[in-house]
N, C-alpha and C. Protein backbone atom coordinates (compact mmCIF):
# COMPACT_ATOMS: atom_id res chain seq x y z
N UNK A 1 6.38 -12.70 -3.94
CA UNK A 1 6.27 -11.70 -3.78
C UNK A 1 5.55 -10.80 -4.77
N UNK A 2 4.74 -9.91 -4.53
CA UNK A 2 3.33 -9.33 -5.73
C UNK A 2 4.35 -8.44 -6.45
N UNK A 3 3.68 -8.21 -7.59
CA UNK A 3 4.53 -7.46 -8.89
C UNK A 3 3.87 -6.02 -8.50
N UNK A 4 4.40 -5.05 -9.19
CA UNK A 4 4.21 -3.81 -8.80
C UNK A 4 2.85 -3.51 -9.45
N UNK A 5 2.46 -2.46 -8.78
CA UNK A 5 0.90 -2.00 -9.01
C UNK A 5 0.74 -0.66 -9.17
N UNK A 6 -0.17 -0.24 -9.44
CA UNK A 6 -0.54 1.18 -10.30
C UNK A 6 -0.75 1.99 -8.44
N UNK A 7 -0.37 3.04 -8.41
CA UNK A 7 -0.16 3.95 -7.32
C UNK A 7 -1.48 4.13 -6.62
N UNK A 8 -2.62 4.37 -7.50
CA UNK A 8 -3.84 4.62 -7.35
C UNK A 8 -4.51 3.48 -6.05
N UNK A 9 -4.16 2.01 -6.60
CA UNK A 9 -5.03 0.91 -5.98
C UNK A 9 -4.08 0.79 -4.47
N UNK A 10 -3.07 1.50 -3.92
CA UNK A 10 -2.64 1.45 -2.70
C UNK A 10 -3.30 1.16 -1.62
N UNK A 11 -3.27 0.64 -0.16
CA UNK A 11 -3.93 0.87 0.71
C UNK A 11 -3.68 1.89 1.60
N UNK A 12 -4.80 2.47 2.11
CA UNK A 12 -4.52 3.66 3.04
C UNK A 12 -3.63 3.26 4.18
N UNK A 13 -2.97 4.13 4.85
CA UNK A 13 -2.44 3.91 6.32
C UNK A 13 -1.62 2.49 6.45
N UNK A 14 -1.09 2.32 5.67
CA UNK A 14 -0.48 1.05 5.76
C UNK A 14 0.94 0.96 5.12
N UNK A 15 1.79 0.81 5.62
CA UNK A 15 3.81 0.67 5.42
C UNK A 15 3.41 -0.31 3.77
N UNK A 16 4.18 0.45 2.53
CA UNK A 16 4.41 -0.50 1.45
C UNK A 16 5.58 0.25 0.99
N UNK A 17 6.19 -0.71 -0.09
CA UNK A 17 7.17 -0.26 -0.98
C UNK A 17 6.61 0.59 -1.83
N UNK A 18 7.44 1.84 -2.31
CA UNK A 18 6.75 2.73 -3.69
C UNK A 18 7.73 2.65 -4.33
N UNK A 19 7.69 3.23 -5.66
CA UNK A 19 8.64 3.79 -6.72
C UNK A 19 8.29 4.98 -7.09
N UNK A 20 9.37 5.73 -6.68
CA UNK A 20 9.33 7.36 -7.16
C UNK A 20 10.12 7.55 -8.32
N UNK A 21 9.79 7.85 -9.38
CA UNK A 21 10.77 8.41 -10.53
C UNK A 21 11.80 9.36 -10.22
N UNK A 22 11.34 10.68 -9.60
CA UNK A 22 11.99 11.84 -9.45
C UNK A 22 11.79 12.15 -8.12
N UNK A 23 12.34 11.85 -7.25
CA UNK A 23 12.43 12.58 -5.47
C UNK A 23 13.65 13.11 -5.62
N UNK A 24 13.19 14.66 -5.17
CA UNK A 24 14.28 15.69 -5.50
C UNK A 24 15.71 14.94 -5.57
N UNK A 25 16.80 15.24 -4.65
CA UNK A 25 17.99 15.10 -5.16
C UNK A 25 18.40 13.45 -4.77
N UNK A 26 17.38 12.85 -4.22
CA UNK A 26 17.47 11.29 -3.95
C UNK A 26 17.49 10.67 -5.18
N UNK A 27 16.71 10.97 -6.49
CA UNK A 27 16.53 10.75 -7.34
C UNK A 27 15.62 9.61 -7.57
N UNK A 28 15.79 8.49 -8.81
CA UNK A 28 14.43 7.48 -8.78
C UNK A 28 15.02 6.59 -7.69
N UNK A 29 13.90 5.72 -7.17
CA UNK A 29 14.36 4.57 -6.13
C UNK A 29 12.79 4.24 -5.26
N UNK A 30 13.20 3.12 -4.71
CA UNK A 30 12.07 2.49 -3.76
C UNK A 30 12.15 2.77 -2.77
N UNK A 31 11.28 3.06 -2.11
CA UNK A 31 10.82 3.82 -0.83
C UNK A 31 10.08 3.11 -0.11
N UNK A 32 10.23 3.35 1.67
CA UNK A 32 9.05 2.50 2.43
C UNK A 32 8.19 4.19 2.54
N UNK A 33 6.90 3.58 2.03
CA UNK A 33 6.10 4.81 2.47
C UNK A 33 4.72 4.66 2.93
N UNK A 34 3.83 5.24 3.52
CA UNK A 34 2.45 5.29 3.65
C UNK A 34 1.71 6.23 3.19
N UNK A 35 0.55 5.92 2.68
CA UNK A 35 -0.53 6.86 1.82
C UNK A 35 -1.19 7.42 3.50
N UNK A 36 -1.28 8.25 3.83
CA UNK A 36 -1.79 8.74 5.19
C UNK A 36 -3.02 9.77 4.82
N UNK A 37 -4.05 8.72 5.42
CA UNK A 37 -5.91 9.13 5.03
C UNK A 37 -6.49 9.11 5.95
N UNK A 38 -6.50 9.64 7.12
CA UNK A 38 -7.40 9.64 8.30
C UNK A 38 -8.83 10.24 7.98
N UNK A 39 -9.33 9.40 8.79
CA UNK A 39 -10.97 9.30 8.38
C UNK A 39 -11.29 11.06 9.16
N UNK A 40 -11.82 11.59 8.17
CA UNK A 40 -12.26 13.25 8.48
C UNK A 40 -11.58 14.11 7.89
N UNK A 41 -10.27 13.61 7.48
CA UNK A 41 -9.54 14.87 6.98
C UNK A 41 -9.44 14.89 5.69
N UNK A 42 -9.12 16.05 4.92
CA UNK A 42 -8.99 16.48 3.61
C UNK A 42 -7.86 16.44 2.64
N UNK A 43 -6.75 15.90 3.52
CA UNK A 43 -5.58 16.04 3.01
C UNK A 43 -4.62 14.88 2.74
N UNK A 44 -5.25 13.89 2.38
CA UNK A 44 -4.35 12.59 2.11
C UNK A 44 -2.98 12.70 1.47
N UNK A 45 -2.12 12.27 1.72
CA UNK A 45 -0.72 12.36 1.24
C UNK A 45 0.01 11.25 1.53
N UNK A 46 1.16 11.22 0.58
CA UNK A 46 2.24 9.76 0.82
C UNK A 46 3.12 10.39 1.88
N UNK A 47 3.94 9.77 2.77
CA UNK A 47 4.79 10.26 3.49
C UNK A 47 5.58 8.85 3.59
N UNK A 48 6.98 9.12 3.90
CA UNK A 48 7.81 8.12 3.58
C UNK A 48 8.83 8.10 4.85
N UNK A 49 9.51 7.19 5.46
CA UNK A 49 10.52 7.96 6.61
C UNK A 49 11.52 7.17 6.15
N UNK A 50 11.93 7.32 4.87
CA UNK A 50 13.06 7.10 4.83
C UNK A 50 14.25 7.84 5.15
N UNK A 51 15.83 7.64 4.98
CA UNK A 51 16.79 8.19 5.40
C UNK A 51 16.46 8.79 6.92
N UNK A 52 17.05 9.57 7.38
CA UNK A 52 16.96 10.12 8.70
C UNK A 52 15.86 10.37 9.50
N UNK A 53 14.80 10.79 8.32
CA UNK A 53 13.57 11.65 9.02
C UNK A 53 12.51 11.39 7.96
N UNK A 54 11.34 11.40 8.32
CA UNK A 54 10.07 11.12 7.68
C UNK A 54 9.93 12.58 7.32
N UNK A 55 9.24 12.39 6.22
CA UNK A 55 8.72 13.53 5.12
C UNK A 55 7.74 13.37 4.26
N UNK A 56 6.81 14.07 3.85
CA UNK A 56 5.94 13.91 2.87
C UNK A 56 6.45 14.33 1.55
N UNK A 57 5.93 13.37 0.47
CA UNK A 57 6.46 13.60 -1.07
C UNK A 57 5.68 14.92 -1.51
N UNK A 58 6.44 15.77 -2.33
CA UNK A 58 5.88 17.01 -2.63
C UNK A 58 5.16 16.60 -3.68
N UNK A 59 4.11 17.82 -4.41
CA UNK A 59 3.39 17.34 -5.19
C UNK A 59 4.45 16.97 -6.55
N UNK A 60 5.29 17.35 -6.82
CA UNK A 60 6.23 16.97 -7.91
C UNK A 60 6.75 15.82 -7.93
N UNK A 61 6.85 15.36 -6.72
CA UNK A 61 7.41 14.14 -6.77
C UNK A 61 6.69 13.00 -5.90
N UNK A 62 5.96 12.71 -6.94
CA UNK A 62 4.82 11.67 -6.43
C UNK A 62 5.10 9.90 -6.86
N UNK A 63 5.36 9.18 -5.79
CA UNK A 63 5.34 8.03 -6.19
C UNK A 63 4.30 7.30 -7.28
N UNK A 64 4.40 6.30 -8.11
CA UNK A 64 3.68 6.09 -9.21
C UNK A 64 3.14 4.56 -9.42
N UNK A 65 4.34 3.79 -8.51
CA UNK A 65 3.93 2.26 -8.35
C UNK A 65 4.05 1.88 -6.98
N UNK A 66 3.28 0.92 -6.35
CA UNK A 66 3.72 0.49 -5.02
C UNK A 66 3.42 -1.61 -5.05
N UNK A 67 4.18 -1.88 -3.96
CA UNK A 67 3.94 -3.20 -3.84
C UNK A 67 4.20 -3.53 -2.29
N UNK A 68 3.26 -4.57 -1.95
CA UNK A 68 3.56 -4.71 -0.44
C UNK A 68 4.99 -5.59 -0.06
N UNK A 69 5.28 -5.14 1.17
CA UNK A 69 6.40 -5.93 1.75
C UNK A 69 6.60 -7.41 1.27
N UNK A 70 7.89 -7.64 0.90
CA UNK A 70 7.95 -9.35 0.83
C UNK A 70 7.79 -9.94 2.17
N UNK A 71 7.10 -11.47 2.03
CA UNK A 71 7.45 -12.29 3.52
C UNK A 71 8.76 -12.44 3.76
N UNK A 72 8.38 -12.51 5.14
CA UNK A 72 9.71 -12.49 6.16
C UNK A 72 10.49 -14.02 5.27
N UNK A 73 12.14 -14.45 5.79
CA UNK A 73 12.60 -15.46 5.41
C UNK A 73 12.05 -16.85 6.19
N UNK A 74 11.88 -17.83 5.53
CA UNK A 74 11.51 -18.99 6.08
C UNK A 74 12.18 -19.32 7.26
N UNK A 75 13.87 -19.08 7.33
CA UNK A 75 14.78 -19.69 8.29
C UNK A 75 15.19 -17.96 8.55
N UNK A 76 15.44 -17.54 9.81
CA UNK A 76 15.99 -16.27 10.30
C UNK A 76 17.07 -16.77 10.81
N UNK A 77 18.37 -16.27 10.69
CA UNK A 77 19.65 -16.63 11.61
C UNK A 77 19.55 -15.91 12.63
N UNK A 78 20.19 -16.52 13.68
CA UNK A 78 20.04 -16.04 14.74
C UNK A 78 21.36 -14.98 14.73
N UNK A 79 21.07 -13.39 15.42
CA UNK A 79 21.80 -12.39 15.55
C UNK A 79 23.16 -12.90 16.38
N UNK A 80 24.19 -12.08 15.43
CA UNK A 80 25.62 -12.82 16.05
C UNK A 80 25.99 -11.71 17.62
N UNK A 81 25.46 -10.81 17.54
CA UNK A 81 25.56 -10.35 18.96
C UNK A 81 24.20 -9.47 19.32
N UNK A 82 24.12 -8.96 20.39
CA UNK A 82 22.89 -8.29 20.89
C UNK A 82 23.24 -6.72 20.00
N UNK A 83 21.72 -6.39 19.87
CA UNK A 83 21.60 -5.14 19.16
C UNK A 83 21.55 -4.33 20.50
């Protein structure tokens, strides 16, 4: 697994793990997020699909670090029941 990196080096339009030190009432934590930056748009933003719905991070609650998702396990056990 990679080490935490400065948020300014995160890729655009790709899901990564981010650390947010002060996200509203959720508090500090690690979240799945995407730096949404589509060509021709002037409003790049961090968006998380954490919890029940997706939402943008407010200007006061921005991620400070990021890292890629870890590799999948080398052995994936068979599910016990159908999903």
